[in-house]
Amino acid sequence: MNIPISAFDLSKEALPDLLLKIQQGLIQLPDLQRSFCWHEDLVIDLLASVSQGWPIGGILL
């Protein structure tokens, strides 16, 4: 199945904006999303990378 690229919204959003949308219920994880499986040390490393402006890869929503 080929889906045209125009069918997707390829915008970039800042992390605080995404977190606000999650808090407001505008973004929700689908039921097919796997459960949370990160250990605390990995979460801390991710937050450290974000706070220092280091690249963390893409997030698909």
N, C-alpha and C. Protein backbone atom coordinates (compact mmCIF):
# COMPACT_ATOMS: atom_id res chain seq x y z
N MET A 1 0.85 -1.17 0.00
CA MET A 1 0.00 0.00 0.00
C MET A 1 0.90 1.23 0.00
N ASN A 2 0.71 2.11 -0.97
CA ASN A 2 1.45 3.37 -1.03
C ASN A 2 0.57 4.51 -0.56
N ILE A 3 1.03 5.20 0.46
CA ILE A 3 0.31 6.36 0.98
C ILE A 3 1.08 7.59 0.55
N PRO A 4 0.44 8.55 -0.11
CA PRO A 4 1.17 9.74 -0.55
C PRO A 4 1.68 10.55 0.64
N ILE A 5 2.86 11.13 0.48
CA ILE A 5 3.47 11.92 1.55
C ILE A 5 2.57 13.07 1.96
N SER A 6 1.74 13.55 1.06
CA SER A 6 0.84 14.66 1.38
C SER A 6 -0.22 14.27 2.42
N ALA A 7 -0.36 12.97 2.68
CA ALA A 7 -1.34 12.52 3.67
C ALA A 7 -0.84 12.69 5.10
N PHE A 8 0.43 13.05 5.25
CA PHE A 8 1.03 13.18 6.57
C PHE A 8 1.33 14.64 6.90
N ASP A 9 1.27 14.97 8.18
CA ASP A 9 1.65 16.29 8.66
C ASP A 9 3.09 16.18 9.15
N LEU A 10 4.03 16.79 8.43
CA LEU A 10 5.45 16.66 8.75
C LEU A 10 5.97 17.87 9.50
N SER A 11 5.16 18.42 10.36
CA SER A 11 5.57 19.60 11.11
C SER A 11 6.46 19.21 12.29
N LYS A 12 7.24 20.18 12.75
CA LYS A 12 8.08 19.99 13.93
C LYS A 12 7.46 20.77 15.08
N GLU A 13 7.45 20.16 16.25
CA GLU A 13 6.92 20.83 17.44
C GLU A 13 7.93 20.72 18.56
N ALA A 14 7.96 21.73 19.39
CA ALA A 14 8.85 21.72 20.55
C ALA A 14 8.30 20.75 21.60
N LEU A 15 9.19 20.14 22.36
CA LEU A 15 8.79 19.18 23.38
C LEU A 15 7.79 19.77 24.38
N PRO A 16 8.00 21.00 24.87
CA PRO A 16 7.00 21.55 25.80
C PRO A 16 5.60 21.64 25.18
N ASP A 17 5.53 21.94 23.88
CA ASP A 17 4.24 22.01 23.21
C ASP A 17 3.59 20.63 23.13
N LEU A 18 4.39 19.60 22.84
CA LEU A 18 3.86 18.24 22.80
C LEU A 18 3.36 17.80 24.17
N LEU A 19 4.13 18.10 25.21
CA LEU A 19 3.72 17.73 26.56
C LEU A 19 2.43 18.43 26.96
N LEU A 20 2.29 19.69 26.57
CA LEU A 20 1.07 20.42 26.87
C LEU A 20 -0.13 19.79 26.16
N LYS A 21 0.05 19.40 24.89
CA LYS A 21 -1.04 18.76 24.15
C LYS A 21 -1.42 17.42 24.77
N ILE A 22 -0.44 16.69 25.27
CA ILE A 22 -0.74 15.43 25.95
C ILE A 22 -1.54 15.71 27.21
N GLN A 23 -1.11 16.71 27.98
CA GLN A 23 -1.80 17.08 29.22
C GLN A 23 -3.23 17.53 28.94
N GLN A 24 -3.44 18.22 27.82
CA GLN A 24 -4.77 18.71 27.46
C GLN A 24 -5.63 17.63 26.82
N GLY A 25 -5.07 16.47 26.57
CA GLY A 25 -5.81 15.39 25.94
C GLY A 25 -5.90 15.50 24.43
N LEU A 26 -5.10 16.38 23.82
CA LEU A 26 -5.13 16.55 22.38
C LEU A 26 -4.30 15.49 21.67
N ILE A 27 -3.37 14.87 22.38
CA ILE A 27 -2.57 13.77 21.86
C ILE A 27 -2.74 12.60 22.82
N GLN A 28 -3.08 11.45 22.28
CA GLN A 28 -3.26 10.25 23.10
C GLN A 28 -2.54 9.09 22.44
N LEU A 29 -2.02 8.18 23.25
CA LEU A 29 -1.41 6.98 22.70
C LEU A 29 -2.50 6.03 22.26
N PRO A 30 -2.34 5.43 21.08
CA PRO A 30 -3.35 4.46 20.63
C PRO A 30 -3.28 3.19 21.47
N ASP A 31 -4.36 2.44 21.48
CA ASP A 31 -4.41 1.19 22.24
C ASP A 31 -3.33 0.20 21.80
N LEU A 32 -2.87 0.30 20.56
CA LEU A 32 -1.87 -0.63 20.08
C LEU A 32 -0.46 -0.26 20.54
N GLN A 33 -0.31 0.89 21.17
CA GLN A 33 1.00 1.31 21.68
C GLN A 33 1.46 0.35 22.78
N ARG A 34 2.72 -0.05 22.72
CA ARG A 34 3.23 -0.94 23.77
C ARG A 34 3.31 -0.21 25.10
N SER A 35 3.35 -0.95 26.15
CA SER A 35 3.40 -0.34 27.48
C SER A 35 4.78 0.26 27.75
N PHE A 36 4.83 1.12 28.74
CA PHE A 36 6.06 1.80 29.13
C PHE A 36 7.05 0.77 29.65
N CYS A 37 8.28 0.77 29.13
CA CYS A 37 9.23 -0.27 29.54
C CYS A 37 10.63 0.28 29.85
N TRP A 38 10.78 1.60 29.94
CA TRP A 38 12.10 2.17 30.22
C TRP A 38 12.39 2.12 31.71
N HIS A 39 13.66 1.85 32.02
CA HIS A 39 14.12 1.93 33.41
C HIS A 39 14.42 3.39 33.74
N GLU A 40 14.42 3.71 35.02
CA GLU A 40 14.59 5.09 35.48
C GLU A 40 15.86 5.73 34.93
N ASP A 41 16.96 4.99 34.85
CA ASP A 41 18.22 5.57 34.37
C ASP A 41 18.12 6.01 32.91
N LEU A 42 17.36 5.27 32.10
CA LEU A 42 17.18 5.66 30.70
C LEU A 42 16.33 6.92 30.58
N VAL A 43 15.31 7.03 31.41
CA VAL A 43 14.47 8.23 31.42
C VAL A 43 15.30 9.45 31.81
N ILE A 44 16.14 9.29 32.82
CA ILE A 44 17.00 10.39 33.26
C ILE A 44 17.96 10.80 32.13
N ASP A 45 18.54 9.82 31.44
CA ASP A 45 19.43 10.12 30.31
C ASP A 45 18.70 10.87 29.20
N LEU A 46 17.47 10.45 28.89
CA LEU A 46 16.69 11.13 27.86
C LEU A 46 16.40 12.57 28.26
N LEU A 47 15.95 12.78 29.48
CA LEU A 47 15.65 14.14 29.94
C LEU A 47 16.90 15.01 29.98
N ALA A 48 18.04 14.42 30.31
CA ALA A 48 19.30 15.18 30.29
C ALA A 48 19.64 15.60 28.86
N SER A 49 19.45 14.71 27.90
CA SER A 49 19.71 15.04 26.50
C SER A 49 18.80 16.15 26.02
N VAL A 50 17.51 16.06 26.35
CA VAL A 50 16.54 17.08 25.94
C VAL A 50 16.90 18.42 26.57
N SER A 51 17.22 18.42 27.85
CA SER A 51 17.50 19.69 28.54
C SER A 51 18.77 20.35 28.03
N GLN A 52 19.69 19.56 27.50
CA GLN A 52 20.93 20.13 26.98
C GLN A 52 20.87 20.40 25.48
N GLY A 53 19.73 20.11 24.87
CA GLY A 53 19.54 20.40 23.45
C GLY A 53 20.22 19.42 22.52
N TRP A 54 20.57 18.24 23.01
CA TRP A 54 21.20 17.23 22.17
C TRP A 54 20.14 16.53 21.31
N PRO A 55 20.52 16.06 20.13
CA PRO A 55 19.56 15.34 19.28
C PRO A 55 19.10 14.05 19.95
N ILE A 56 17.82 13.77 19.86
CA ILE A 56 17.27 12.55 20.46
C ILE A 56 16.55 11.68 19.44
N GLY A 57 16.56 12.08 18.18
CA GLY A 57 15.85 11.30 17.18
C GLY A 57 14.43 11.81 16.99
N GLY A 58 13.68 11.13 16.16
CA GLY A 58 12.33 11.56 15.84
C GLY A 58 11.28 10.89 16.70
N ILE A 59 10.16 11.56 16.83
CA ILE A 59 9.00 11.01 17.53
C ILE A 59 7.85 11.02 16.54
N LEU A 60 7.25 9.87 16.32
CA LEU A 60 6.12 9.77 15.41
C LEU A 60 4.84 9.78 16.20
N LEU A 61 3.94 10.67 15.83
CA LEU A 61 2.63 10.76 16.49
C LEU A 61 1.54 10.55 15.48
